[in-house]
Amino acid sequence: MESCSWFLVILTITFLAANSVAPTVVQPLSEPQTTLPTNTSTNSNIASPSTQTYINDEDVPDCVDLQPAQFVCQVPPLDSDTFELEGCTPDDIVSVTCTALVGVDCYGNTTFNKTIPCRYTNGYKLRTTLALSIFLGFFGVDRFYLGYYSMGLLKLSTLGFFFIGQWVDIILIAAQLLEPADHSHYIVGYNGPSPIQDLLQPTVETWDPHHVVTPWFFNKKQRSNSTDEF
């Protein structure tokens, strides 16, 4: 009987202790707060994708010193008689007008001049020279035509070095290895052959990669059908 009384006392104390604990209140989840980005317009080190910026003025290059992909140039027209670039100088270069691309930072005038390779001609035609060498080469007429007067006299007095020199000159002229005395190039016509030494050289892409330009000895038909910019 006494043990039952102690059991009832312990059960009563446990019940009272359980009811005295405050209930736990579950707070509802709050919505995530969105943090707006700060204004970065005052940060000078951040540039738009199409604009190249520099930390200070000393890092801005001269417009003339821009890389080929940062400007475009106007290609001169072709001469109707020689099918070469108009304005080509004896140094085998021609001046073209170039403009910096939009978004490229540089100081100075954004329109400037550059030089590109070309073929300088002075009226010597390949077909005419080759015909003179084949039919009259043993008299040295081909050498006289090209401006090599001393060699022309030797060929005249020896009948083209006993015809051996005549055949040597025919091969050299056909391969365009024997050029005129003024170091100009032959007029080869619209789709004429290129010099053999140029055919052995690899074609190099230059200037603006969006408008690929190869050296002057590339196909003239392709050049005449290309756009005015490169």
Protein backbone atom coordinates (compact mmCIF):
# COMPACT_ATOMS: atom_id res chain seq x y z
CA MET A 1 0.00 0.00 0.00
CA GLU A 2 2.84 2.30 0.84
CA SER A 3 4.55 1.59 -2.50
CA CYS A 4 1.41 2.53 -4.39
CA SER A 5 1.31 5.87 -2.57
CA TRP A 6 4.90 6.67 -3.57
CA PHE A 7 4.12 5.72 -7.19
CA LEU A 8 1.14 8.12 -7.28
CA VAL A 9 3.31 10.93 -5.83
CA ILE A 10 6.02 10.46 -8.49
CA LEU A 11 3.42 10.32 -11.29
CA THR A 12 1.80 13.54 -10.04
CA ILE A 13 5.13 15.41 -9.87
CA THR A 14 6.04 14.26 -13.41
CA PHE A 15 2.67 15.44 -14.78
CA LEU A 16 3.01 18.86 -13.14
CA ALA A 17 6.57 19.30 -14.47
CA ALA A 18 5.52 18.46 -18.02
CA ASN A 19 2.69 21.03 -18.00
CA SER A 20 4.94 23.77 -16.60
CA VAL A 21 7.21 23.86 -19.77
CA ALA A 22 6.29 26.72 -22.16
CA PRO A 23 5.22 25.57 -25.64
CA THR A 24 7.67 26.16 -28.48
CA VAL A 25 6.36 28.61 -31.08
CA VAL A 26 7.50 27.92 -34.64
CA GLN A 27 8.15 31.14 -36.56
CA PRO A 28 7.17 31.13 -40.26
CA LEU A 29 10.03 31.32 -42.74
CA SER A 30 10.62 34.83 -44.04
CA GLU A 31 11.07 35.52 -47.75
CA PRO A 32 14.70 35.87 -48.91
CA GLN A 33 15.87 39.43 -49.15
CA THR A 34 17.13 40.58 -52.56
CA THR A 35 20.23 42.76 -52.42
CA LEU A 36 20.36 45.27 -55.24
CA PRO A 37 23.80 45.78 -56.82
CA THR A 38 25.51 49.01 -56.14
CA ASN A 39 26.00 51.56 -58.89
CA THR A 40 29.24 50.68 -60.71
CA SER A 41 29.13 53.57 -63.15
CA THR A 42 31.74 55.38 -61.11
CA ASN A 43 34.18 52.45 -61.28
CA SER A 44 36.59 53.36 -64.08
CA ASN A 45 38.23 49.91 -64.15
CA ILE A 46 35.08 48.18 -65.48
CA ALA A 47 34.71 48.32 -69.26
CA SER A 48 31.98 47.22 -71.60
CA PRO A 49 32.79 44.15 -73.75
CA SER A 50 33.25 46.24 -76.90
CA THR A 51 35.40 48.94 -75.34
CA GLN A 52 39.06 48.67 -74.42
CA THR A 53 39.93 50.94 -71.52
CA TYR A 54 43.25 51.78 -69.93
CA ILE A 55 44.20 52.55 -66.35
CA ASN A 56 45.91 55.81 -67.27
CA ASP A 57 46.61 57.90 -70.33
CA GLU A 58 50.15 56.56 -70.69
CA ASP A 59 48.78 53.11 -71.60
CA VAL A 60 46.67 54.42 -74.52
CA PRO A 61 48.55 53.71 -77.79
CA ASP A 62 48.86 55.99 -80.74
CA CYS A 63 46.24 55.28 -83.39
CA VAL A 64 49.02 54.63 -85.91
CA ASP A 65 50.40 51.86 -83.64
CA LEU A 66 47.14 49.89 -83.35
CA GLN A 67 47.13 46.16 -83.98
CA PRO A 68 45.81 44.92 -87.36
CA ALA A 69 42.56 43.65 -85.81
CA GLN A 70 41.80 47.11 -84.40
CA PHE A 71 41.43 49.05 -87.67
CA VAL A 72 40.27 48.67 -91.27
CA CYS A 73 41.76 50.12 -94.45
CA GLN A 74 40.45 51.08 -97.87
CA VAL A 75 42.04 49.10 -100.70
CA PRO A 76 43.06 51.23 -103.73
CA PRO A 77 41.41 50.35 -107.06
CA LEU A 78 43.13 48.22 -109.67
CA ASP A 79 44.76 49.83 -112.68
CA SER A 80 42.81 48.91 -115.81
CA ASP A 81 45.99 48.28 -117.83
CA THR A 82 48.20 46.41 -115.37
CA PHE A 83 45.59 45.01 -112.93
CA GLU A 84 47.81 46.10 -110.08
CA LEU A 85 47.04 48.50 -107.23
CA GLU A 86 47.03 52.13 -108.32
CA GLY A 87 49.64 54.37 -106.71
CA CYS A 88 52.21 51.61 -106.23
CA THR A 89 55.72 53.04 -105.76
CA PRO A 90 59.04 51.57 -106.98
CA ASP A 91 59.53 50.27 -103.42
CA ASP A 92 56.57 47.90 -103.97
CA ILE A 93 54.39 49.63 -101.40
CA VAL A 94 51.24 51.73 -101.65
CA SER A 95 49.73 54.09 -99.08
CA VAL A 96 46.19 53.35 -97.90
CA THR A 97 43.80 55.22 -95.59
CA CYS A 98 42.87 53.35 -92.40
CA THR A 99 40.32 54.04 -89.65
CA ALA A 100 40.27 52.74 -86.07
CA LEU A 101 37.33 50.48 -85.21
CA VAL A 102 34.52 51.79 -83.03
CA GLY A 103 35.25 51.11 -79.35
CA VAL A 104 39.04 51.05 -79.70
CA ASP A 105 40.76 53.68 -77.57
CA CYS A 106 43.74 55.49 -79.05
CA TYR A 107 45.06 59.03 -79.08
CA GLY A 108 45.58 61.11 -82.17
CA ASN A 109 43.60 61.12 -85.37
CA THR A 110 41.53 57.93 -85.74
CA THR A 111 42.02 58.17 -89.52
CA PHE A 112 45.63 57.55 -90.54
CA ASN A 113 47.78 56.16 -93.37
CA LYS A 114 49.43 52.74 -93.63
CA THR A 115 51.48 51.05 -96.36
CA ILE A 116 50.75 47.62 -97.85
CA PRO A 117 52.69 45.49 -100.39
CA CYS A 118 52.01 45.88 -104.11
CA ARG A 119 53.56 45.15 -107.51
CA TYR A 120 55.27 48.10 -109.19
CA THR A 121 55.21 47.86 -112.98
CA ASN A 122 56.90 50.10 -115.55
CA GLY A 123 55.45 48.93 -118.84
CA TYR A 124 57.37 45.69 -119.34
CA LYS A 125 55.04 42.89 -120.46
CA LEU A 126 55.90 39.26 -119.81
CA ARG A 127 54.48 38.01 -123.11
CA THR A 128 56.42 40.55 -125.14
CA THR A 129 59.70 39.81 -123.34
CA LEU A 130 59.24 36.05 -123.69
CA ALA A 131 58.47 36.35 -127.41
CA LEU A 132 61.58 38.47 -127.99
CA SER A 133 63.70 35.96 -126.09
CA ILE A 134 62.39 32.98 -128.09
CA PHE A 135 62.59 34.47 -131.58
CA LEU A 136 65.32 37.12 -131.29
CA GLY A 137 67.15 36.11 -128.13
CA PHE A 138 70.27 35.02 -129.99
CA PHE A 139 70.64 38.68 -131.09
CA GLY A 140 70.26 39.90 -127.50
CA VAL A 141 67.05 41.79 -128.27
CA ASP A 142 65.41 40.57 -125.03
CA ARG A 143 68.29 41.95 -122.96
CA PHE A 144 68.15 45.27 -124.80
CA TYR A 145 64.40 45.41 -124.15
CA LEU A 146 64.88 44.84 -120.41
CA GLY A 147 67.63 47.44 -120.13
CA TYR A 148 70.68 45.17 -119.87
CA TYR A 149 72.63 46.74 -122.72
CA SER A 150 76.05 45.24 -121.96
CA MET A 151 74.65 41.71 -121.84
CA GLY A 152 72.69 42.45 -124.99
CA LEU A 153 75.90 43.34 -126.86
CA LEU A 154 77.58 40.12 -125.65
CA LYS A 155 74.66 38.02 -126.84
CA LEU A 156 74.63 39.87 -130.15
CA SER A 157 78.35 39.30 -130.75
CA THR A 158 78.22 35.61 -129.75
CA LEU A 159 74.81 34.66 -131.13
CA GLY A 160 73.35 34.26 -127.67
CA PHE A 161 76.48 32.61 -126.27
CA PHE A 162 76.14 30.03 -129.04
CA PHE A 163 72.41 29.66 -128.32
CA ILE A 164 73.05 28.38 -124.79
CA GLY A 165 72.55 31.81 -123.24
CA GLN A 166 69.37 32.24 -125.26
CA TRP A 167 67.77 29.13 -123.72
CA VAL A 168 68.93 30.14 -120.26
CA ASP A 169 67.27 33.54 -120.65
CA ILE A 170 64.06 31.94 -121.92
CA ILE A 171 63.82 29.85 -118.74
CA LEU A 172 64.70 32.78 -116.48
CA ILE A 173 62.15 35.07 -118.13
CA ALA A 174 59.40 32.43 -118.11
CA ALA A 175 59.96 31.90 -114.35
CA GLN A 176 60.17 35.71 -113.88
CA LEU A 177 63.55 35.30 -112.25
CA LEU A 178 65.08 37.74 -114.75
CA GLU A 179 63.41 41.08 -114.05
CA PRO A 180 63.78 44.41 -115.87
CA ALA A 181 66.87 46.44 -115.05
CA ASP A 182 64.80 48.99 -113.08
CA HIS A 183 63.65 46.17 -110.71
CA SER A 184 60.02 46.58 -111.70
CA HIS A 185 57.65 43.66 -112.24
CA TYR A 186 56.23 42.27 -115.44
CA ILE A 187 52.71 43.05 -116.56
CA VAL A 188 51.22 39.57 -116.68
CA GLY A 189 47.58 40.33 -117.49
CA TYR A 190 44.35 39.62 -115.64
CA ASN A 191 45.05 35.99 -114.72
CA GLY A 192 48.74 35.88 -115.53
CA PRO A 193 51.24 33.59 -113.78
CA SER A 194 52.89 34.55 -110.52
CA PRO A 195 56.68 34.63 -110.09
CA ILE A 196 58.03 31.23 -109.13
CA GLN A 197 59.70 32.56 -105.98
CA ASP A 198 56.33 33.88 -104.77
CA LEU A 199 54.58 30.58 -105.42
CA LEU A 200 57.09 28.90 -103.10
CA GLN A 201 56.29 31.32 -100.28
CA PRO A 202 53.38 30.58 -97.90
CA THR A 203 50.39 32.88 -98.02
CA VAL A 204 50.18 34.97 -94.85
CA GLU A 205 46.92 36.44 -93.57
CA THR A 206 47.30 40.06 -92.53
CA TRP A 207 45.33 43.08 -91.44
CA ASP A 208 41.78 42.74 -90.26
CA PRO A 209 40.90 39.03 -89.70
CA HIS A 210 37.31 39.75 -90.76
CA HIS A 211 38.59 40.75 -94.22
CA VAL A 212 41.56 38.52 -95.02
CA VAL A 213 44.16 39.97 -97.36
CA THR A 214 47.10 38.05 -98.77
CA PRO A 215 50.24 39.48 -100.40
CA TRP A 216 50.11 41.05 -103.83
CA PHE A 217 50.73 37.81 -105.70
CA PHE A 218 47.37 36.21 -104.81
CA ASN A 219 44.75 35.59 -107.48
CA LYS A 220 43.75 38.86 -109.12
CA LYS A 221 40.23 37.67 -109.86
CA GLN A 222 39.66 37.02 -106.17
CA ARG A 223 41.12 40.45 -105.35
CA SER A 224 38.92 42.28 -107.86
CA ASN A 225 35.79 40.59 -106.46
CA SER A 226 36.64 41.36 -102.83
CA THR A 227 35.16 44.17 -100.79
CA ASP A 228 36.65 47.62 -100.52
CA GLU A 229 37.73 47.05 -96.91
CA PHE A 230 40.20 44.69 -95.36
